[in-house]
Amino acid sequence: MFEIIRNIGSITRKLQIQSNQKFNSLNLGNNRFIYIIRICENPGMFLGEIADQLSIDRTTAFRTIKNLEKLGYLNTVEDSKDKRLRRIYPTNLASEIYTELHFFEQSSSETLLQKLNNQEKEQLLQLLRKIM
């Protein structure tokens, strides 16, 4: 059954290679584009939320957020109620490219899953949630 995990890893690597090629010119390689998608969809998240949502350790998430902030894609703002939290918001630059990033994510998913019927897609989703 180790083949299942190998196949998941292979799919992940293929998607990462494609996204790196597509978004490297925007300095969004190494899956940085995913941060922008999630923050555009959920502006005001704090660091722990984005790290948990992406299943990434908080140190890596913090470093990537800081990098994206320097590139002009994100802004962090101190929470008005809890000074320990920093909320993350997309800039105009991030909002402008969101559609392209989201389209890539959506079309990649559709391409990967095109051979599955709706019932199989739902079953796959349930199984992945179960192992997560």
Protein backbone atom coordinates (compact mmCIF):
# COMPACT_ATOMS: atom_id res chain seq x y z
CA MET A 1 0.00 0.00 0.00
CA PHE A 2 3.03 2.27 0.10
CA GLU A 3 2.30 2.86 -3.59
CA ILE A 4 -0.63 5.10 -2.59
CA ILE A 5 1.64 7.52 -0.73
CA ARG A 6 4.19 7.43 -3.56
CA ASN A 7 1.47 8.33 -6.05
CA ILE A 8 0.25 11.21 -3.89
CA GLY A 9 3.85 12.45 -3.66
CA SER A 10 4.29 12.15 -7.42
CA ILE A 11 1.13 14.18 -8.07
CA THR A 12 2.31 16.82 -5.60
CA ARG A 13 5.73 17.10 -7.26
CA LYS A 14 4.21 17.39 -10.75
CA LEU A 15 1.90 20.18 -9.60
CA GLN A 16 4.76 21.96 -7.88
CA ILE A 17 6.92 21.81 -11.02
CA GLN A 18 4.05 23.20 -13.11
CA SER A 19 3.29 26.00 -10.66
CA ASN A 20 6.97 26.91 -10.33
CA GLN A 21 7.27 27.21 -14.10
CA LYS A 22 4.08 29.22 -14.40
CA PHE A 23 4.61 31.62 -11.48
CA ASN A 24 8.39 31.93 -11.09
CA SER A 25 8.34 35.21 -13.02
CA LEU A 26 6.07 36.59 -10.29
CA ASN A 27 8.43 35.30 -7.55
CA LEU A 28 5.74 32.84 -6.52
CA GLY A 29 7.65 29.58 -6.90
CA ASN A 30 7.82 27.00 -4.11
CA ASN A 31 4.04 27.05 -3.74
CA ARG A 32 3.94 30.67 -2.59
CA PHE A 33 0.99 31.24 -4.91
CA ILE A 34 -1.13 29.07 -2.59
CA TYR A 35 -0.68 31.58 0.25
CA ILE A 36 -2.03 34.37 -1.94
CA ILE A 37 -5.04 32.31 -3.01
CA ARG A 38 -5.95 31.42 0.57
CA ILE A 39 -5.45 34.95 1.90
CA CYS A 40 -7.44 36.52 -0.94
CA GLU A 41 -10.23 34.07 -0.13
CA ASN A 42 -9.95 34.67 3.64
CA PRO A 43 -8.52 38.14 4.26
CA GLY A 44 -7.65 38.83 7.87
CA MET A 45 -6.49 35.33 8.77
CA PHE A 46 -3.72 35.20 11.30
CA LEU A 47 -0.49 33.29 10.89
CA GLY A 48 -1.58 30.18 12.77
CA GLU A 49 -4.71 29.87 10.65
CA ILE A 50 -2.84 29.97 7.35
CA ALA A 51 -0.21 27.52 8.64
CA ASP A 52 -2.92 25.10 9.79
CA GLN A 53 -4.92 25.49 6.59
CA LEU A 54 -1.87 24.69 4.44
CA SER A 55 -0.52 22.02 6.83
CA ILE A 56 2.78 23.90 7.11
CA ASP A 57 4.76 24.58 10.26
CA ARG A 58 4.37 28.10 11.61
CA THR A 59 8.02 29.04 11.15
CA THR A 60 7.89 28.25 7.43
CA ALA A 61 4.56 30.04 7.08
CA PHE A 62 5.89 33.12 8.91
CA ARG A 63 9.01 33.23 6.73
CA THR A 64 6.96 32.90 3.54
CA ILE A 65 4.45 35.56 4.64
CA LYS A 66 7.31 37.97 5.41
CA ASN A 67 8.81 37.26 1.99
CA LEU A 68 5.48 37.85 0.24
CA GLU A 69 5.08 41.05 2.22
CA LYS A 70 8.47 42.28 0.97
CA LEU A 71 7.40 41.43 -2.59
CA GLY A 72 4.29 43.58 -2.17
CA TYR A 73 1.69 40.80 -2.23
CA LEU A 74 0.58 40.84 1.41
CA ASN A 75 0.25 43.18 4.37
CA THR A 76 0.29 42.16 8.01
CA VAL A 77 -1.60 44.24 10.53
CA GLU A 78 -1.61 43.97 14.32
CA ASP A 79 -4.93 42.66 15.60
CA SER A 80 -6.93 45.39 17.32
CA LYS A 81 -7.99 43.14 20.23
CA ASP A 82 -5.05 40.78 20.68
CA LYS A 83 -1.71 42.50 20.11
CA ARG A 84 0.06 39.13 19.83
CA LEU A 85 -1.77 38.34 16.58
CA ARG A 86 -0.94 39.73 13.18
CA ARG A 87 -3.69 39.57 10.59
CA ILE A 88 -2.74 38.99 6.95
CA TYR A 89 -4.38 40.88 4.08
CA PRO A 90 -3.83 40.79 0.32
CA THR A 91 -2.54 43.93 -1.37
CA ASN A 92 -3.94 45.27 -4.63
CA LEU A 93 -1.15 43.39 -6.42
CA ALA A 94 -2.30 40.08 -4.91
CA SER A 95 -5.93 40.84 -5.70
CA GLU A 96 -5.01 41.60 -9.31
CA ILE A 97 -3.36 38.22 -9.86
CA TYR A 98 -5.79 36.19 -7.75
CA THR A 99 -7.97 35.25 -10.74
CA GLU A 100 -5.00 33.83 -12.64
CA LEU A 101 -3.77 31.89 -9.59
CA HIS A 102 -7.20 30.53 -8.80
CA PHE A 103 -7.75 29.52 -12.43
CA PHE A 104 -4.46 27.59 -12.39
CA GLU A 105 -5.43 25.79 -9.20
CA GLN A 106 -8.90 24.99 -10.52
CA SER A 107 -7.80 23.85 -13.99
CA SER A 108 -5.02 21.70 -12.50
CA SER A 109 -7.57 20.00 -10.27
CA GLU A 110 -9.95 19.43 -13.15
CA THR A 111 -7.17 17.97 -15.32
CA LEU A 112 -6.09 15.59 -12.56
CA LEU A 113 -9.61 14.42 -11.81
CA GLN A 114 -11.04 14.33 -15.34
CA LYS A 115 -11.08 10.53 -15.51
CA LEU A 116 -13.14 10.21 -12.33
CA ASN A 117 -16.92 10.44 -12.21
CA ASN A 118 -18.64 12.55 -9.55
CA GLN A 119 -19.13 9.62 -7.19
CA GLU A 120 -15.45 8.67 -7.44
CA LYS A 121 -14.41 12.27 -6.80
CA GLU A 122 -16.58 12.41 -3.68
CA GLN A 123 -15.21 9.07 -2.50
CA LEU A 124 -11.63 10.24 -3.04
CA LEU A 125 -12.32 13.42 -1.09
CA GLN A 126 -13.81 11.45 1.81
CA LEU A 127 -10.85 9.06 1.88
CA LEU A 128 -8.30 11.90 1.82
CA ARG A 129 -10.12 13.66 4.65
CA LYS A 130 -10.07 10.43 6.61
CA ILE A 131 -6.28 10.06 6.35
CA MET A 132 -5.61 13.73 6.99
